[in-house]
N, C-alpha and C. Protein backbone atom coordinates (compact mmCIF):
# COMPACT_ATOMS: atom_id res chain seq x y z
N UNK A 1 36.42 -15.75 -6.94
CA UNK A 1 35.72 -14.99 -6.61
C UNK A 1 35.82 -14.13 -5.46
N UNK A 2 35.79 -12.83 -5.43
CA UNK A 2 35.35 -12.05 -3.98
C UNK A 2 34.05 -12.17 -3.39
N UNK A 3 34.32 -12.76 -2.15
CA UNK A 3 32.97 -12.99 -1.28
C UNK A 3 32.23 -11.35 -1.34
N UNK A 4 32.62 -10.60 -1.41
CA UNK A 4 32.07 -9.18 -1.06
C UNK A 4 31.43 -9.00 -2.39
N UNK A 5 31.73 -9.67 -3.53
CA UNK A 5 30.77 -8.94 -4.95
C UNK A 5 30.21 -9.89 -5.59
N UNK A 6 29.20 -10.23 -4.62
CA UNK A 6 28.02 -11.29 -5.55
C UNK A 6 26.66 -11.35 -4.40
N UNK A 7 25.61 -11.59 -5.95
CA UNK A 7 24.41 -11.26 -5.35
C UNK A 7 23.89 -13.02 -6.08
N UNK A 8 22.88 -13.05 -5.17
CA UNK A 8 22.31 -14.53 -4.83
C UNK A 8 21.10 -14.71 -6.04
N UNK A 9 20.46 -15.41 -6.63
CA UNK A 9 19.75 -15.61 -7.93
C UNK A 9 18.68 -16.78 -7.14
N UNK A 10 18.15 -16.27 -6.77
CA UNK A 10 16.98 -17.11 -6.54
C UNK A 10 16.66 -18.20 -7.28
N UNK A 11 16.92 -19.58 -7.38
CA UNK A 11 16.05 -20.22 -8.41
C UNK A 11 14.99 -21.08 -7.94
N UNK A 12 13.61 -20.87 -8.44
CA UNK A 12 12.62 -21.36 -8.05
C UNK A 12 12.45 -22.54 -8.86
N UNK A 13 13.06 -22.97 -9.51
CA UNK A 13 12.37 -24.30 -10.28
C UNK A 13 13.87 -25.45 -9.85
N UNK A 14 13.98 -26.67 -10.20
CA UNK A 14 15.09 -27.08 -10.05
C UNK A 14 16.16 -27.66 -11.32
N UNK A 15 15.80 -26.66 -12.71
CA UNK A 15 16.62 -26.55 -13.33
C UNK A 15 16.85 -24.97 -13.15
N UNK A 16 18.21 -24.30 -13.65
CA UNK A 16 18.14 -22.91 -14.09
C UNK A 16 17.84 -22.43 -15.75
N UNK A 17 17.22 -21.62 -15.72
CA UNK A 17 16.91 -20.73 -17.15
C UNK A 17 18.16 -20.22 -17.98
N UNK A 18 17.74 -20.06 -18.50
CA UNK A 18 18.81 -19.08 -19.80
C UNK A 18 19.17 -17.76 -19.80
N UNK A 19 17.76 -17.52 -19.06
CA UNK A 19 18.50 -15.90 -18.48
C UNK A 19 19.51 -15.61 -17.38
N UNK A 20 19.59 -16.65 -16.40
CA UNK A 20 21.01 -16.95 -15.29
C UNK A 20 22.15 -16.54 -16.15
N UNK A 21 21.88 -17.52 -17.35
CA UNK A 21 23.44 -17.35 -17.44
C UNK A 21 23.85 -16.18 -18.22
N UNK A 22 22.55 -15.52 -19.32
CA UNK A 22 22.96 -14.40 -19.78
C UNK A 22 23.30 -13.44 -18.88
N UNK A 23 22.04 -12.92 -17.82
CA UNK A 23 22.24 -12.04 -16.60
C UNK A 23 23.62 -12.56 -15.88
N UNK A 24 24.36 -13.49 -15.74
CA UNK A 24 25.57 -13.61 -15.12
C UNK A 24 26.47 -12.99 -16.17
N UNK A 25 26.50 -13.28 -17.30
CA UNK A 25 27.73 -12.99 -18.27
C UNK A 25 28.04 -11.62 -18.32
N UNK A 26 26.65 -11.06 -18.21
CA UNK A 26 26.55 -9.38 -18.21
C UNK A 26 27.11 -8.58 -17.08
N UNK A 27 26.93 -8.99 -15.92
CA UNK A 27 27.33 -8.62 -14.50
C UNK A 27 29.08 -9.01 -14.00
N UNK A 28 29.24 -10.28 -15.05
CA UNK A 28 30.77 -10.73 -14.69
C UNK A 28 31.63 -9.16 -15.40
N UNK A 29 31.41 -8.74 -16.12
CA UNK A 29 31.72 -7.20 -16.66
C UNK A 29 31.62 -5.91 -15.66
N UNK A 30 30.72 -5.84 -14.79
CA UNK A 30 30.73 -5.13 -13.55
C UNK A 30 31.55 -5.58 -12.47
N UNK A 31 32.04 -6.88 -12.74
CA UNK A 31 33.15 -7.46 -11.51
C UNK A 31 32.08 -7.43 -10.17
N UNK A 32 30.80 -8.44 -10.98
CA UNK A 32 29.64 -8.58 -10.01
C UNK A 32 29.60 -10.32 -10.49
N UNK A 33 28.90 -11.21 -9.47
CA UNK A 33 28.97 -12.67 -9.62
C UNK A 33 27.50 -13.38 -8.99
N UNK A 34 27.01 -13.51 -10.11
CA UNK A 34 25.50 -14.31 -9.93
C UNK A 34 25.57 -15.56 -9.28
N UNK A 35 25.51 -15.86 -7.96
CA UNK A 35 25.16 -17.00 -7.76
C UNK A 35 23.86 -17.58 -7.47
N UNK A 36 23.43 -18.92 -7.73
CA UNK A 36 21.94 -19.39 -7.96
C UNK A 36 22.35 -19.98 -6.25
N UNK A 37 20.91 -20.00 -5.48
CA UNK A 37 20.77 -20.36 -4.25
C UNK A 37 19.09 -20.79 -4.37
N UNK A 38 18.82 -22.01 -4.26
CA UNK A 38 17.33 -22.32 -4.26
C UNK A 38 16.78 -22.14 -2.97
N UNK A 39 15.19 -22.58 -2.91
CA UNK A 39 14.36 -22.06 -1.75
C UNK A 39 14.87 -22.58 -0.72
N UNK A 40 15.09 -23.95 -0.61
CA UNK A 40 15.63 -24.58 0.56
C UNK A 40 16.64 -24.30 1.17
N UNK A 41 17.26 -23.18 0.32
CA UNK A 41 18.92 -22.67 1.06
C UNK A 41 18.72 -21.29 1.40
N UNK A 42 17.53 -20.83 1.85
CA UNK A 42 17.12 -19.18 2.60
C UNK A 42 18.27 -19.25 3.61
N UNK A 43 18.04 -20.34 4.16
CA UNK A 43 18.23 -20.15 5.22
C UNK A 43 19.97 -19.33 5.52
N UNK A 44 20.45 -20.21 4.64
CA UNK A 44 21.90 -19.63 4.49
C UNK A 44 22.14 -17.98 4.19
N UNK A 45 20.87 -17.18 4.24
CA UNK A 45 21.38 -15.85 3.62
C UNK A 45 21.08 -15.45 4.91
N UNK A 46 20.43 -15.82 6.10
CA UNK A 46 20.47 -15.12 7.24
C UNK A 46 22.51 -14.85 7.81
N UNK A 47 23.30 -15.65 7.30
CA UNK A 47 24.53 -16.15 7.70
C UNK A 47 25.33 -14.54 7.07
N UNK A 48 25.10 -14.11 5.98
CA UNK A 48 25.77 -13.19 5.27
C UNK A 48 25.33 -11.70 5.85
N UNK A 49 25.93 -10.74 5.51
CA UNK A 49 25.64 -10.06 5.99
C UNK A 49 25.19 -8.66 4.77
N UNK A 50 23.36 -8.56 5.08
CA UNK A 50 22.83 -7.68 4.23
C UNK A 50 23.25 -8.36 2.45
N UNK A 51 22.97 -9.69 2.28
CA UNK A 51 23.27 -10.57 1.04
C UNK A 51 22.16 -9.78 0.15
N UNK A 52 21.59 -9.52 -1.41
CA UNK A 52 21.53 -9.19 -2.66
C UNK A 52 20.96 -10.30 -3.32
N UNK A 53 19.48 -10.24 -3.03
CA UNK A 53 18.65 -11.71 -3.42
C UNK A 53 17.93 -10.71 -4.96
N UNK A 54 18.11 -11.47 -6.07
CA UNK A 54 17.94 -11.40 -6.95
C UNK A 54 16.39 -12.32 -7.76
N UNK A 55 15.45 -11.89 -7.90
CA UNK A 55 14.12 -12.20 -8.06
C UNK A 55 13.76 -12.20 -9.69
N UNK A 56 13.72 -13.16 -10.24
CA UNK A 56 12.91 -13.17 -11.67
C UNK A 56 12.00 -13.95 -12.01
N UNK A 57 10.20 -13.15 -11.85
CA UNK A 57 9.43 -13.42 -11.95
C UNK A 57 8.78 -13.42 -13.45
N UNK A 58 8.39 -14.31 -14.44
CA UNK A 58 8.00 -14.11 -15.85
C UNK A 58 6.52 -14.49 -16.22
N UNK A 59 6.45 -15.85 -15.19
CA UNK A 59 5.23 -16.68 -15.59
C UNK A 59 4.58 -16.77 -14.32
N UNK A 60 3.29 -17.53 -14.49
CA UNK A 60 2.53 -17.57 -13.41
C UNK A 60 3.25 -18.92 -12.48
N UNK A 61 3.67 -19.67 -12.89
CA UNK A 61 4.25 -20.64 -12.18
C UNK A 61 5.48 -19.68 -11.47
N UNK A 62 6.37 -19.23 -12.04
CA UNK A 62 7.46 -18.51 -11.20
C UNK A 62 6.83 -17.52 -9.92
N UNK A 63 5.97 -16.78 -10.50
CA UNK A 63 4.84 -15.90 -9.51
C UNK A 63 4.51 -16.53 -8.05
N UNK A 64 3.83 -17.95 -8.44
CA UNK A 64 3.28 -18.86 -7.71
C UNK A 64 4.28 -19.05 -6.63
N UNK A 65 5.22 -19.86 -7.29
CA UNK A 65 6.66 -20.56 -6.60
C UNK A 65 7.49 -18.99 -5.71
N UNK A 66 7.47 -18.04 -6.26
CA UNK A 66 7.46 -17.17 -5.62
C UNK A 66 6.86 -16.88 -4.00
N UNK A 67 5.57 -16.57 -4.32
CA UNK A 67 5.12 -16.29 -3.47
C UNK A 67 4.94 -17.51 -2.35
N UNK A 68 5.13 -18.45 -2.45
CA UNK A 68 5.72 -19.84 -1.69
C UNK A 68 6.84 -19.41 -0.49
N UNK A 69 7.79 -18.73 -1.54
CA UNK A 69 9.06 -18.26 -0.54
C UNK A 69 8.72 -17.34 0.08
N UNK A 70 8.02 -16.21 -0.69
CA UNK A 70 7.66 -14.78 0.59
C UNK A 70 6.66 -15.69 1.98
N UNK A 71 6.11 -16.55 1.84
CA UNK A 71 5.37 -16.79 3.01
C UNK A 71 6.40 -17.33 4.19
N UNK A 72 7.15 -18.22 3.63
CA UNK A 72 8.06 -18.72 4.79
C UNK A 72 9.44 -17.49 4.96
N UNK A 73 9.99 -17.12 3.91
CA UNK A 73 11.16 -16.31 4.72
C UNK A 73 11.36 -14.95 4.10
N UNK A 74 10.76 -14.40 2.64
CA UNK A 74 11.31 -13.18 2.03
C UNK A 74 10.39 -12.22 2.68
N UNK A 75 9.59 -12.33 2.96
CA UNK A 75 8.66 -11.08 3.53
C UNK A 75 9.26 -10.94 5.15
N UNK A 76 10.05 -11.78 5.68
CA UNK A 76 10.62 -11.32 6.84
C UNK A 76 11.77 -10.62 6.72
N UNK A 77 12.46 -11.01 5.68
CA UNK A 77 13.76 -10.51 5.31
C UNK A 77 13.72 -8.90 5.01
N UNK A 78 12.84 -8.92 4.17
CA UNK A 78 12.43 -7.22 3.84
C UNK A 78 11.88 -6.63 4.66
N UNK A 79 10.88 -7.20 5.56
CA UNK A 79 10.93 -6.25 6.69
C UNK A 79 11.64 -5.92 7.84
N UNK A 80 12.82 -6.58 8.02
CA UNK A 80 13.89 -6.58 9.00
C UNK A 80 14.50 -6.07 8.58
N UNK A 81 14.81 -5.91 6.82
CA UNK A 81 15.76 -5.23 6.26
C UNK A 81 17.41 -6.44 6.36
N UNK A 82 16.72 -7.54 6.34
CA UNK A 82 17.87 -8.52 6.36
C UNK A 82 18.78 -8.49 5.06
N UNK A 83 18.04 -8.44 3.97
CA UNK A 83 18.38 -8.94 2.36
C UNK A 83 17.91 -7.79 1.51
N UNK A 84 18.57 -7.54 0.53
CA UNK A 84 18.72 -6.29 -0.23
C UNK A 84 17.95 -6.97 -1.87
N UNK A 85 16.16 -7.06 -1.98
CA UNK A 85 15.51 -7.47 -2.94
C UNK A 85 15.59 -6.89 -3.90
N UNK A 86 15.92 -7.61 -5.01
CA UNK A 86 15.42 -6.42 -6.40
C UNK A 86 14.69 -7.73 -6.89
N UNK A 87 13.32 -7.30 -7.27
CA UNK A 87 12.06 -8.11 -7.48
C UNK A 87 11.99 -7.77 -9.55
N UNK A 88 12.22 -8.88 -10.56
CA UNK A 88 12.28 -8.11 -11.86
C UNK A 88 11.55 -9.05 -12.27
N UNK A 89 10.13 -8.51 -12.40
CA UNK A 89 8.76 -8.71 -12.86
C UNK A 89 8.14 -8.05 -13.63
N UNK A 90 6.87 -8.92 -13.86
CA UNK A 90 5.78 -8.24 -14.54
C UNK A 90 4.69 -8.47 -14.06
N UNK A 91 4.88 -8.60 -12.76
CA UNK A 91 3.30 -8.61 -11.53
C UNK A 91 2.98 -7.42 -11.00
N UNK A 92 4.13 -6.64 -11.00
CA UNK A 92 4.16 -5.19 -10.24
C UNK A 92 4.98 -5.79 -8.69
N UNK A 93 4.83 -4.70 -7.89
CA UNK A 93 5.73 -4.58 -6.47
C UNK A 93 4.68 -5.65 -5.66
N UNK A 94 5.96 -6.32 -4.92
CA UNK A 94 4.94 -7.39 -4.01
C UNK A 94 4.22 -6.51 -2.97
N UNK A 95 3.10 -6.88 -2.21
CA UNK A 95 2.44 -6.41 -1.47
C UNK A 95 2.27 -6.65 -0.09
N UNK A 96 3.61 -5.40 0.82
CA UNK A 96 3.50 -5.52 2.16
C UNK A 96 3.28 -4.35 2.68
N UNK A 97 2.81 -4.09 3.59
CA UNK A 97 1.78 -3.02 3.79
C UNK A 97 3.59 -1.81 4.11
N UNK A 98 2.99 -0.48 3.65
CA UNK A 98 4.33 0.70 3.85
C UNK A 98 4.79 0.74 4.82
N UNK A 99 4.48 0.70 5.94
CA UNK A 99 4.35 0.78 7.18
C UNK A 99 5.49 -0.07 7.68
N UNK A 100 5.19 -1.52 7.37
CA UNK A 100 6.43 -2.44 7.77
C UNK A 100 7.70 -2.71 6.70
N UNK A 101 7.49 -2.51 5.16
CA UNK A 101 8.41 -2.51 4.54
C UNK A 101 9.27 -0.97 4.06
N UNK A 102 10.80 -1.74 4.39
CA UNK A 102 11.78 -0.58 4.33
C UNK A 102 12.19 -0.80 2.86
N UNK A 103 12.32 0.97 2.03
CA UNK A 103 12.10 0.85 0.65
C UNK A 103 13.43 0.59 0.20
N UNK A 104 14.26 0.97 1.06
CA UNK A 104 15.73 1.20 0.93
C UNK A 104 16.39 -0.17 0.67
N UNK A 105 15.94 -1.54 0.90
CA UNK A 105 15.85 -2.84 0.50
C UNK A 105 14.87 -3.33 -0.19
N UNK A 106 14.55 -2.77 -0.87
CA UNK A 106 13.29 -3.69 -2.01
C UNK A 106 13.38 -2.79 -3.45
N UNK A 107 13.89 -3.01 -4.35
CA UNK A 107 13.56 -2.45 -5.69
C UNK A 107 13.38 -3.54 -6.57
N UNK A 108 11.68 -2.69 -7.40
CA UNK A 108 11.43 -3.68 -8.28
C UNK A 108 11.62 -2.95 -9.61
N UNK A 109 12.03 -3.82 -10.26
CA UNK A 109 12.40 -3.73 -11.86
C UNK A 109 11.20 -4.11 -12.51
N UNK A 110 10.72 -3.18 -13.30
CA UNK A 110 9.55 -3.73 -14.17
C UNK A 110 9.90 -4.72 -15.26
N UNK A 111 9.17 -5.59 -16.08
CA UNK A 111 9.56 -5.90 -17.05
C UNK A 111 8.22 -5.70 -18.14
N UNK A 112 8.13 -5.71 -19.31
CA UNK A 112 9.78 -5.97 -20.26
C UNK A 112 10.87 -5.24 -19.96
N UNK A 113 12.09 -5.68 -19.90
CA UNK A 113 13.26 -4.90 -20.09
C UNK A 113 14.30 -5.50 -20.63
N UNK A 114 15.27 -4.89 -20.83
CA UNK A 114 16.40 -5.29 -21.36
C UNK A 114 17.44 -6.21 -20.56
N UNK A 115 18.12 -7.33 -20.60
CA UNK A 115 18.83 -7.66 -19.68
C UNK A 115 20.25 -6.91 -19.40
N UNK A 116 20.60 -6.14 -20.62
CA UNK A 116 21.81 -4.96 -20.23
C UNK A 116 21.36 -3.89 -19.18
N UNK A 117 19.77 -3.72 -19.24
CA UNK A 117 19.68 -2.17 -18.31
C UNK A 117 19.17 -3.05 -17.08
N UNK A 118 18.64 -4.09 -17.12
CA UNK A 118 18.76 -4.93 -15.89
C UNK A 118 19.84 -4.99 -14.92
N UNK A 119 21.27 -5.73 -15.50
CA UNK A 119 22.38 -5.87 -15.40
C UNK A 119 22.88 -4.04 -14.73
N UNK A 120 23.14 -3.37 -15.51
CA UNK A 120 23.43 -2.05 -14.86
C UNK A 120 22.49 -1.32 -13.64
N UNK A 121 21.88 -1.61 -14.06
CA UNK A 121 20.56 -1.27 -12.67
C UNK A 121 20.84 -1.90 -11.47
N UNK A 122 20.93 -3.55 -11.38
CA UNK A 122 22.06 -4.20 -10.35
C UNK A 122 22.99 -3.95 -9.82
N UNK A 123 24.22 -3.83 -10.97
CA UNK A 123 25.43 -3.04 -10.65
C UNK A 123 25.67 -1.80 -9.61
N UNK A 124 24.75 -0.80 -10.46
CA UNK A 124 24.53 0.62 -10.19
C UNK A 124 24.22 0.34 -8.75
N UNK A 125 22.69 0.03 -8.03
CA UNK A 125 22.57 -0.51 -6.58
C UNK A 125 22.94 -1.00 -5.79
N UNK A 126 24.07 -1.75 -6.21
CA UNK A 126 24.75 -2.61 -5.24
C UNK A 126 26.41 -2.03 -5.59
N UNK A 127 26.62 -1.56 -5.93
CA UNK A 127 27.98 -0.45 -5.35
C UNK A 127 27.37 0.70 -4.55
N UNK A 128 26.21 1.36 -4.93
CA UNK A 128 25.61 2.20 -4.51
C UNK A 128 25.81 1.86 -2.82
N UNK A 129 25.29 0.75 -2.38
CA UNK A 129 25.03 0.06 -1.37
C UNK A 129 26.13 -0.08 -0.45
N UNK A 130 26.89 -0.15 -1.33
CA UNK A 130 28.16 -1.28 -0.55
C UNK A 130 29.07 0.08 -0.29
N UNK A 131 28.82 0.97 -0.51
CA UNK A 131 29.28 2.74 -0.61
C UNK A 131 28.97 3.25 0.22
N UNK A 132 27.64 3.38 0.75
CA UNK A 132 26.96 3.94 1.29
C UNK A 132 27.22 3.13 3.24
N UNK A 133 27.26 1.73 2.73
CA UNK A 133 27.54 1.03 4.05
C UNK A 133 28.59 1.30 4.89
N UNK A 134 29.65 2.00 4.00
CA UNK A 134 31.11 2.28 4.91
C UNK A 134 31.25 3.75 4.97
N UNK A 135 30.11 4.61 5.00
CA UNK A 135 30.33 5.96 5.34
C UNK A 135 29.48 5.70 7.02
N UNK A 136 29.92 6.92 7.61
CA UNK A 136 29.47 7.13 9.00
C UNK A 136 28.01 8.08 8.80
N UNK A 137 27.05 7.85 9.40
CA UNK A 137 26.17 8.34 9.27
C UNK A 137 26.08 9.98 9.81
N UNK A 138 26.92 9.57 10.73
CA UNK A 138 26.40 11.21 12.02
C UNK A 138 27.15 11.99 11.85
N UNK A 139 28.04 12.17 10.28
CA UNK A 139 28.56 12.93 9.99
C UNK A 139 29.92 13.35 10.17
N UNK A 140 30.30 14.81 10.51
CA UNK A 140 31.86 14.59 10.88
C UNK A 140 31.66 15.50 12.17
N UNK A 141 33.19 15.19 12.43
CA UNK A 141 32.93 15.80 14.51
C UNK A 141 33.16 17.30 14.11
N UNK A 142 33.12 17.63 15.20
CA UNK A 142 33.31 19.25 15.18
C UNK A 142 34.89 19.15 15.64
N UNK A 143 35.18 20.38 15.29
CA UNK A 143 36.54 20.98 15.46
C UNK A 143 36.66 22.20 16.03
N UNK A 144 37.50 22.15 17.19
CA UNK A 144 37.60 23.79 17.92
C UNK A 144 39.00 24.50 17.69
N UNK A 145 38.36 25.73 16.81
CA UNK A 145 39.44 26.40 16.66
C UNK A 145 41.14 26.64 17.54
N UNK A 146 42.12 26.33 16.84
CA UNK A 146 43.05 26.29 17.48
C UNK A 146 43.79 27.91 17.77
N UNK A 147 43.86 28.26 18.97
CA UNK A 147 44.56 29.71 19.19
C UNK A 147 45.71 30.00 19.23
N UNK A 148 46.64 31.11 18.41
CA UNK A 148 47.76 31.27 18.63
C UNK A 148 48.03 31.97 19.91
N UNK A 149 49.65 31.87 20.35
CA UNK A 149 49.95 32.45 21.77
C UNK A 149 51.02 33.35 21.30
């Protein structure tokens, strides 16, 4: 597995759900690997360079479990642009004040949505961000014309 081509999937409960397996199979077609990460392991994201974190919230219990994670670390990660968060949810966007949230590092994908659409959206955003990371933000250096003598 290439270390640069992986997305983290926040595992809100002890057992992984069937959506993880289905989404993982779809992302492999885009050469992306979905890696489960538990709430207790969120500290490991600090060691990665701008990791991509996928959160799926379909039920109230998942919503409340995610809110517990937000209180401890996730809000801080999004505000300080240390993680790219993909929030797949029917509950709407997370409530962080506009002046604090960096919109480039948070993406809300509303449910209901097809898993292939979700996988395509994740892959497009991942590769777009990966390509932007390698570009110099200052533009091109100016060159003086060469005079012929």
